Amino acid sequence: MVEILKESAASMPGCLSYVVAKDASDENTIWVTEVWDSMASHDASLSLPAVKNAIPRGKAIVSNFEKIAVTSPVWGAGLPAAHATNLRTSNGQF
């Protein structure tokens, strides 16, 4: 799954940060944290060929998504203050 995410998220306009992390206590869980300049950019990313191709590949190996959160960052090291408007965090089990 990590490889699928790396391939599909390589170049997404409006994506300020995309982090894939392994869960320290569960080898079958990963966390994905995304920061976007807008919800519109995130929504548009779902139409990119690499993302559209990755979705069915990922769905085939994900057993469930336990948590999805959408937040509004107020500060983040390395994030431009004027653009850090949408943060999505989710975890999936395999």
C-alpha atoms as a PDB file:
ATOM      1  CA  MET A   1       0.000   0.000   0.000  1.00  0.00           C
ATOM      2  CA  VAL A   2       2.846   2.372   0.782  1.00  0.00           C
ATOM      3  CA  GLU A   3       4.202   1.936  -2.743  1.00  0.00           C
ATOM      4  CA  ILE A   4       0.784   2.590  -4.281  1.00  0.00           C
ATOM      5  CA  LEU A   5       0.465   5.810  -2.281  1.00  0.00           C
ATOM      6  CA  LYS A   6       4.008   6.914  -3.164  1.00  0.00           C
ATOM      7  CA  GLU A   7       3.347   6.413  -6.868  1.00  0.00           C
ATOM      8  CA  SER A   8      -0.024   8.149  -6.927  1.00  0.00           C
ATOM      9  CA  ALA A   9       0.830  11.119  -4.711  1.00  0.00           C
ATOM     10  CA  ALA A  10       4.073  12.138  -6.380  1.00  0.00           C
ATOM     11  CA  SER A  11       2.740  15.233  -8.117  1.00  0.00           C
ATOM     12  CA  MET A  12      -0.591  16.625  -6.997  1.00  0.00           C
ATOM     13  CA  PRO A  13      -1.217  20.339  -7.558  1.00  0.00           C
ATOM     14  CA  GLY A  14      -2.175  22.075  -4.330  1.00  0.00           C
ATOM     15  CA  CYS A  15      -0.803  19.330  -2.062  1.00  0.00           C
ATOM     16  CA  LEU A  16       1.509  20.998   0.458  1.00  0.00           C
ATOM     17  CA  SER A  17       2.363  17.837   2.383  1.00  0.00           C
ATOM     18  CA  TYR A  18       1.618  14.116   2.019  1.00  0.00           C
ATOM     19  CA  VAL A  19       3.011  11.847   4.736  1.00  0.00           C
ATOM     20  CA  VAL A  20       2.599   8.062   4.882  1.00  0.00           C
ATOM     21  CA  ALA A  21       3.620   6.553   8.225  1.00  0.00           C
ATOM     22  CA  LYS A  22       3.604   3.050   9.651  1.00  0.00           C
ATOM     23  CA  ASP A  23       1.768   2.653  12.946  1.00  0.00           C
ATOM     24  CA  ALA A  24       4.299   1.975  15.721  1.00  0.00           C
ATOM     25  CA  SER A  25       2.091  -0.552  17.501  1.00  0.00           C
ATOM     26  CA  ASP A  26       0.288  -2.283  14.615  1.00  0.00           C
ATOM     27  CA  GLU A  27       2.200  -3.565  11.598  1.00  0.00           C
ATOM     28  CA  ASN A  28      -1.009  -3.781   9.557  1.00  0.00           C
ATOM     29  CA  THR A  29      -1.892  -0.093   9.944  1.00  0.00           C
ATOM     30  CA  ILE A  30      -0.577   2.989   8.197  1.00  0.00           C
ATOM     31  CA  TRP A  31      -1.429   6.657   8.711  1.00  0.00           C
ATOM     32  CA  VAL A  32      -1.745   9.136   5.855  1.00  0.00           C
ATOM     33  CA  THR A  33      -1.655  12.858   6.602  1.00  0.00           C
ATOM     34  CA  GLU A  34      -2.333  15.320   3.796  1.00  0.00           C
ATOM     35  CA  VAL A  35      -2.209  19.112   3.788  1.00  0.00           C
ATOM     36  CA  TRP A  36      -3.870  20.933   0.904  1.00  0.00           C
ATOM     37  CA  ASP A  37      -4.094  24.554  -0.105  1.00  0.00           C
ATOM     38  CA  SER A  38      -7.871  24.089  -0.500  1.00  0.00           C
ATOM     39  CA  MET A  39     -10.577  21.468  -0.483  1.00  0.00           C
ATOM     40  CA  ALA A  40     -11.018  22.141  -4.215  1.00  0.00           C
ATOM     41  CA  SER A  41      -7.408  21.060  -4.854  1.00  0.00           C
ATOM     42  CA  HIS A  42      -7.970  17.880  -2.863  1.00  0.00           C
ATOM     43  CA  ASP A  43     -11.167  17.127  -4.763  1.00  0.00           C
ATOM     44  CA  ALA A  44      -9.428  17.806  -8.097  1.00  0.00           C
ATOM     45  CA  SER A  45      -6.635  15.374  -7.180  1.00  0.00           C
ATOM     46  CA  LEU A  46      -9.146  12.530  -7.326  1.00  0.00           C
ATOM     47  CA  SER A  47      -9.400  13.109 -11.092  1.00  0.00           C
ATOM     48  CA  LEU A  48      -5.655  12.803 -11.746  1.00  0.00           C
ATOM     49  CA  PRO A  49      -4.792   9.674 -13.780  1.00  0.00           C
ATOM     50  CA  ALA A  50      -2.277   8.391 -11.205  1.00  0.00           C
ATOM     51  CA  VAL A  51      -4.813   8.762  -8.400  1.00  0.00           C
ATOM     52  CA  LYS A  52      -7.671   7.257 -10.413  1.00  0.00           C
ATOM     53  CA  ASN A  53      -5.476   4.241 -11.219  1.00  0.00           C
ATOM     54  CA  ALA A  54      -4.367   3.839  -7.591  1.00  0.00           C
ATOM     55  CA  ILE A  55      -7.854   3.853  -6.052  1.00  0.00           C
ATOM     56  CA  PRO A  56      -8.948   0.352  -7.182  1.00  0.00           C
ATOM     57  CA  ARG A  57      -5.489  -1.072  -6.408  1.00  0.00           C
ATOM     58  CA  GLY A  58      -5.628   0.354  -2.887  1.00  0.00           C
ATOM     59  CA  LYS A  59      -9.221  -0.695  -2.252  1.00  0.00           C
ATOM     60  CA  ALA A  60      -8.268  -4.268  -3.102  1.00  0.00           C
ATOM     61  CA  ILE A  61      -5.856  -4.481  -0.150  1.00  0.00           C
ATOM     62  CA  VAL A  62      -7.414  -2.184   2.475  1.00  0.00           C
ATOM     63  CA  SER A  63      -9.598  -4.050   4.931  1.00  0.00           C
ATOM     64  CA  ASN A  64     -11.024  -0.891   6.523  1.00  0.00           C
ATOM     65  CA  PHE A  65     -10.565   2.760   7.339  1.00  0.00           C
ATOM     66  CA  GLU A  66     -10.989   3.323  11.039  1.00  0.00           C
ATOM     67  CA  LYS A  67     -10.515   7.054  11.263  1.00  0.00           C
ATOM     68  CA  ILE A  68     -10.799   9.975   8.907  1.00  0.00           C
ATOM     69  CA  ALA A  69     -10.493  13.513  10.254  1.00  0.00           C
ATOM     70  CA  VAL A  70     -10.613  16.841   8.460  1.00  0.00           C
ATOM     71  CA  THR A  71      -9.074  19.694  10.421  1.00  0.00           C
ATOM     72  CA  SER A  72      -8.083  23.316   9.839  1.00  0.00           C
ATOM     73  CA  PRO A  73      -4.417  23.829  10.756  1.00  0.00           C
ATOM     74  CA  VAL A  74      -3.555  27.078  12.482  1.00  0.00           C
ATOM     75  CA  TRP A  75       0.214  26.579  12.326  1.00  0.00           C
ATOM     76  CA  GLY A  76       2.712  24.035  11.061  1.00  0.00           C
ATOM     77  CA  ALA A  77       6.481  24.044  10.700  1.00  0.00           C
ATOM     78  CA  GLY A  78       7.234  24.237   6.991  1.00  0.00           C
ATOM     79  CA  LEU A  79       3.656  25.068   5.999  1.00  0.00           C
ATOM     80  CA  PRO A  80       2.916  28.446   4.458  1.00  0.00           C
ATOM     81  CA  ALA A  81       0.538  30.106   6.924  1.00  0.00           C
ATOM     82  CA  ALA A  82      -1.754  31.479   4.232  1.00  0.00           C
ATOM     83  CA  HIS A  83      -2.143  28.095   2.519  1.00  0.00           C
ATOM     84  CA  ALA A  84      -2.495  25.526   5.301  1.00  0.00           C
ATOM     85  CA  THR A  85      -6.268  25.380   5.163  1.00  0.00           C
ATOM     86  CA  ASN A  86      -7.129  21.698   5.004  1.00  0.00           C
ATOM     87  CA  LEU A  87      -5.568  18.741   6.757  1.00  0.00           C
ATOM     88  CA  ARG A  88      -6.843  15.212   6.294  1.00  0.00           C
ATOM     89  CA  THR A  89      -5.629  12.375   8.469  1.00  0.00           C
ATOM     90  CA  SER A  90      -6.710   8.791   8.006  1.00  0.00           C
ATOM     91  CA  ASN A  91      -5.546   5.324   8.894  1.00  0.00           C
ATOM     92  CA  GLY A  92      -6.187   2.081   7.105  1.00  0.00           C
ATOM     93  CA  GLN A  93      -5.686  -1.547   8.027  1.00  0.00           C
ATOM     94  CA  PHE A  94      -4.366  -4.218   5.708  1.00  0.00           C
END
